[in-house]
Amino acid sequence: MDKTVFSMALLRIVSGSIELTAALVMLKFNEVQKALAVNSMLALVGPIVLLTTTTIGLSGLADKLSPVKFIWVTVGVSCLLIGIFKK
């Protein structure tokens, strides 16, 4: 099994587990204010997981990607982050 793919998949499994746990916590509290607070904390998890999995993937492809393609991928990820964090 490819270590890069395994690392990316494992990170996504952890991320999904965090999401499911947050949903269960929301149900347990059963209050809109607390559910909103839990949901706001999750807003950090998504971009961090995206950046980390993309970094792992790019490091696995570093020897196979041309510099121009690497730049395009970096620009694409940057656009996603700007879209997520821009107010």
N, C-alpha and C. Protein backbone atom coordinates (compact mmCIF):
# COMPACT_ATOMS: atom_id res chain seq x y z
N MET A 1 0.84 -1.18 0.00
CA MET A 1 0.00 0.00 0.00
C MET A 1 0.89 1.25 0.00
N ASP A 2 0.51 2.19 -0.81
CA ASP A 2 1.26 3.44 -0.92
C ASP A 2 1.11 4.24 0.38
N LYS A 3 2.25 4.66 0.93
CA LYS A 3 2.23 5.40 2.20
C LYS A 3 1.54 6.76 2.07
N THR A 4 1.71 7.39 0.93
CA THR A 4 1.08 8.70 0.73
C THR A 4 -0.44 8.57 0.72
N VAL A 5 -0.94 7.62 -0.04
CA VAL A 5 -2.39 7.39 -0.11
C VAL A 5 -2.93 6.99 1.25
N PHE A 6 -2.20 6.12 1.95
CA PHE A 6 -2.63 5.69 3.28
C PHE A 6 -2.71 6.88 4.23
N SER A 7 -1.71 7.76 4.20
CA SER A 7 -1.71 8.94 5.07
C SER A 7 -2.88 9.86 4.77
N MET A 8 -3.13 10.08 3.48
CA MET A 8 -4.24 10.94 3.09
C MET A 8 -5.58 10.35 3.53
N ALA A 9 -5.75 9.05 3.32
CA ALA A 9 -7.00 8.39 3.71
C ALA A 9 -7.17 8.39 5.22
N LEU A 10 -6.10 8.15 5.95
CA LEU A 10 -6.17 8.13 7.41
C LEU A 10 -6.57 9.52 7.94
N LEU A 11 -6.01 10.55 7.35
CA LEU A 11 -6.36 11.91 7.77
C LEU A 11 -7.84 12.20 7.50
N ARG A 12 -8.35 11.74 6.38
CA ARG A 12 -9.77 11.92 6.06
C ARG A 12 -10.66 11.12 7.02
N ILE A 13 -10.21 9.94 7.41
CA ILE A 13 -10.96 9.14 8.38
C ILE A 13 -11.03 9.87 9.72
N VAL A 14 -9.89 10.42 10.15
CA VAL A 14 -9.86 11.18 11.41
C VAL A 14 -10.78 12.40 11.29
N SER A 15 -10.72 13.10 10.16
CA SER A 15 -11.57 14.26 9.95
C SER A 15 -13.05 13.88 10.00
N GLY A 16 -13.39 12.79 9.35
CA GLY A 16 -14.78 12.31 9.37
C GLY A 16 -15.23 11.93 10.77
N SER A 17 -14.33 11.34 11.53
CA SER A 17 -14.64 10.97 12.92
C SER A 17 -14.89 12.21 13.77
N ILE A 18 -14.11 13.25 13.53
CA ILE A 18 -14.32 14.51 14.25
C ILE A 18 -15.69 15.09 13.89
N GLU A 19 -16.05 15.04 12.62
CA GLU A 19 -17.36 15.54 12.18
C GLU A 19 -18.50 14.76 12.82
N LEU A 20 -18.38 13.44 12.83
CA LEU A 20 -19.44 12.62 13.45
C LEU A 20 -19.54 12.86 14.95
N THR A 21 -18.40 12.99 15.60
CA THR A 21 -18.40 13.29 17.03
C THR A 21 -19.06 14.63 17.30
N ALA A 22 -18.77 15.61 16.47
CA ALA A 22 -19.38 16.93 16.64
C ALA A 22 -20.90 16.84 16.47
N ALA A 23 -21.35 16.06 15.51
CA ALA A 23 -22.80 15.90 15.32
C ALA A 23 -23.44 15.26 16.55
N LEU A 24 -22.79 14.28 17.12
CA LEU A 24 -23.33 13.63 18.32
C LEU A 24 -23.34 14.59 19.51
N VAL A 25 -22.31 15.41 19.61
CA VAL A 25 -22.26 16.41 20.69
C VAL A 25 -23.41 17.41 20.53
N MET A 26 -23.66 17.83 19.29
CA MET A 26 -24.78 18.74 19.03
C MET A 26 -26.10 18.12 19.48
N LEU A 27 -26.29 16.85 19.13
CA LEU A 27 -27.52 16.17 19.52
C LEU A 27 -27.62 16.02 21.04
N LYS A 28 -26.50 15.77 21.69
CA LYS A 28 -26.50 15.61 23.14
C LYS A 28 -26.86 16.92 23.84
N PHE A 29 -26.28 18.04 23.39
CA PHE A 29 -26.57 19.33 24.01
C PHE A 29 -27.99 19.79 23.71
N ASN A 30 -28.46 19.53 22.50
CA ASN A 30 -29.83 19.84 22.10
C ASN A 30 -30.18 21.32 22.31
N GLU A 31 -29.21 22.20 22.09
CA GLU A 31 -29.42 23.65 22.18
C GLU A 31 -28.78 24.30 20.96
N VAL A 32 -29.52 25.23 20.36
CA VAL A 32 -29.04 25.87 19.14
C VAL A 32 -27.72 26.61 19.36
N GLN A 33 -27.61 27.33 20.48
CA GLN A 33 -26.40 28.11 20.73
C GLN A 33 -25.18 27.21 20.85
N LYS A 34 -25.33 26.10 21.56
CA LYS A 34 -24.19 25.19 21.74
C LYS A 34 -23.87 24.46 20.43
N ALA A 35 -24.90 24.11 19.69
CA ALA A 35 -24.68 23.44 18.40
C ALA A 35 -23.95 24.38 17.44
N LEU A 36 -24.31 25.66 17.48
CA LEU A 36 -23.65 26.64 16.63
C LEU A 36 -22.18 26.81 17.03
N ALA A 37 -21.92 26.78 18.34
CA ALA A 37 -20.53 26.89 18.81
C ALA A 37 -19.70 25.69 18.35
N VAL A 38 -20.28 24.50 18.45
CA VAL A 38 -19.57 23.29 17.98
C VAL A 38 -19.33 23.39 16.48
N ASN A 39 -20.32 23.84 15.75
CA ASN A 39 -20.20 23.98 14.30
C ASN A 39 -19.11 24.99 13.94
N SER A 40 -19.01 26.08 14.71
CA SER A 40 -17.96 27.07 14.42
C SER A 40 -16.58 26.50 14.61
N MET A 41 -16.42 25.63 15.62
CA MET A 41 -15.10 25.01 15.83
C MET A 41 -14.73 24.12 14.65
N LEU A 42 -15.74 23.52 14.03
CA LEU A 42 -15.48 22.66 12.87
C LEU A 42 -15.01 23.46 11.65
N ALA A 43 -15.29 24.74 11.65
CA ALA A 43 -14.88 25.57 10.51
C ALA A 43 -13.36 25.59 10.35
N LEU A 44 -12.63 25.31 11.42
CA LEU A 44 -11.17 25.25 11.33
C LEU A 44 -10.69 23.90 10.81
N VAL A 45 -11.43 22.86 11.12
CA VAL A 45 -10.99 21.50 10.78
C VAL A 45 -10.92 21.30 9.27
N GLY A 46 -11.95 21.74 8.55
CA GLY A 46 -12.01 21.53 7.10
C GLY A 46 -10.81 22.07 6.34
N PRO A 47 -10.50 23.35 6.49
CA PRO A 47 -9.35 23.90 5.76
C PRO A 47 -8.02 23.28 6.18
N ILE A 48 -7.88 22.95 7.46
CA ILE A 48 -6.63 22.34 7.92
C ILE A 48 -6.46 20.96 7.28
N VAL A 49 -7.55 20.19 7.24
CA VAL A 49 -7.48 18.87 6.61
C VAL A 49 -7.21 19.00 5.12
N LEU A 50 -7.87 19.97 4.47
CA LEU A 50 -7.64 20.20 3.04
C LEU A 50 -6.18 20.51 2.76
N LEU A 51 -5.62 21.44 3.53
CA LEU A 51 -4.21 21.81 3.33
C LEU A 51 -3.27 20.64 3.59
N THR A 52 -3.54 19.91 4.67
CA THR A 52 -2.65 18.81 5.03
C THR A 52 -2.70 17.69 4.00
N THR A 53 -3.91 17.28 3.59
CA THR A 53 -4.00 16.20 2.61
C THR A 53 -3.42 16.63 1.27
N THR A 54 -3.64 17.88 0.89
CA THR A 54 -3.06 18.38 -0.37
C THR A 54 -1.55 18.40 -0.30
N THR A 55 -1.01 18.83 0.84
CA THR A 55 0.45 18.86 1.01
C THR A 55 1.02 17.45 0.94
N ILE A 56 0.37 16.50 1.60
CA ILE A 56 0.84 15.11 1.56
C ILE A 56 0.80 14.59 0.13
N GLY A 57 -0.32 14.86 -0.56
CA GLY A 57 -0.45 14.41 -1.95
C GLY A 57 0.59 15.02 -2.87
N LEU A 58 0.81 16.32 -2.72
CA LEU A 58 1.80 16.99 -3.56
C LEU A 58 3.21 16.51 -3.27
N SER A 59 3.49 16.21 -2.01
CA SER A 59 4.82 15.69 -1.70
C SER A 59 5.01 14.31 -2.33
N GLY A 60 3.93 13.55 -2.42
CA GLY A 60 4.00 12.24 -3.07
C GLY A 60 4.16 12.35 -4.58
N LEU A 61 3.68 13.46 -5.15
CA LEU A 61 3.77 13.66 -6.60
C LEU A 61 4.91 14.59 -7.02
N ALA A 62 5.65 15.10 -6.07
CA ALA A 62 6.66 16.13 -6.36
C ALA A 62 7.60 15.73 -7.48
N ASP A 63 8.00 14.48 -7.53
CA ASP A 63 8.94 14.06 -8.57
C ASP A 63 8.24 13.83 -9.91
N LYS A 64 6.90 13.76 -9.93
CA LYS A 64 6.17 13.47 -11.16
C LYS A 64 5.53 14.72 -11.77
N LEU A 65 5.38 15.79 -10.99
CA LEU A 65 4.74 17.01 -11.48
C LEU A 65 5.77 17.97 -12.07
N SER A 66 5.41 18.56 -13.20
CA SER A 66 6.28 19.60 -13.75
C SER A 66 6.13 20.85 -12.88
N PRO A 67 7.11 21.73 -12.89
CA PRO A 67 7.01 22.95 -12.09
C PRO A 67 5.76 23.79 -12.42
N VAL A 68 5.38 23.83 -13.69
CA VAL A 68 4.20 24.61 -14.08
C VAL A 68 2.93 24.00 -13.48
N LYS A 69 2.79 22.68 -13.53
CA LYS A 69 1.62 22.03 -12.93
C LYS A 69 1.61 22.21 -11.42
N PHE A 70 2.76 22.17 -10.81
CA PHE A 70 2.86 22.37 -9.36
C PHE A 70 2.37 23.77 -9.00
N ILE A 71 2.75 24.76 -9.80
CA ILE A 71 2.31 26.14 -9.57
C ILE A 71 0.79 26.25 -9.74
N TRP A 72 0.22 25.59 -10.76
CA TRP A 72 -1.22 25.64 -10.97
C TRP A 72 -1.98 25.02 -9.80
N VAL A 73 -1.48 23.92 -9.28
CA VAL A 73 -2.12 23.30 -8.12
C VAL A 73 -2.04 24.23 -6.92
N THR A 74 -0.90 24.85 -6.71
CA THR A 74 -0.73 25.78 -5.59
C THR A 74 -1.68 26.97 -5.73
N VAL A 75 -1.82 27.50 -6.94
CA VAL A 75 -2.74 28.62 -7.19
C VAL A 75 -4.18 28.17 -6.90
N GLY A 76 -4.53 26.98 -7.33
CA GLY A 76 -5.88 26.46 -7.10
C GLY A 76 -6.20 26.32 -5.62
N VAL A 77 -5.28 25.77 -4.85
CA VAL A 77 -5.48 25.62 -3.41
C VAL A 77 -5.56 27.00 -2.75
N SER A 78 -4.73 27.92 -3.21
CA SER A 78 -4.77 29.29 -2.67
C SER A 78 -6.13 29.93 -2.93
N CYS A 79 -6.68 29.75 -4.12
CA CYS A 79 -8.00 30.30 -4.44
C CYS A 79 -9.07 29.70 -3.53
N LEU A 80 -8.98 28.40 -3.26
CA LEU A 80 -9.93 27.76 -2.34
C LEU A 80 -9.84 28.38 -0.96
N LEU A 81 -8.64 28.59 -0.47
CA LEU A 81 -8.47 29.15 0.87
C LEU A 81 -8.94 30.60 0.94
N ILE A 82 -8.69 31.35 -0.11
CA ILE A 82 -9.18 32.73 -0.14
C ILE A 82 -10.71 32.73 -0.12
N GLY A 83 -11.31 31.83 -0.88
CA GLY A 83 -12.77 31.72 -0.90
C GLY A 83 -13.35 31.31 0.45
N ILE A 84 -12.63 30.49 1.18
CA ILE A 84 -13.10 30.02 2.48
C ILE A 84 -12.97 31.11 3.53
N PHE A 85 -11.82 31.78 3.56
CA PHE A 85 -11.52 32.71 4.65
C PHE A 85 -11.87 34.17 4.35
N LYS A 86 -12.09 34.51 3.10
CA LYS A 86 -12.39 35.92 2.78
C LYS A 86 -13.78 36.28 3.28
N LYS A 87 -13.87 37.43 3.92
CA LYS A 87 -15.17 37.87 4.47
C LYS A 87 -15.83 38.87 3.58
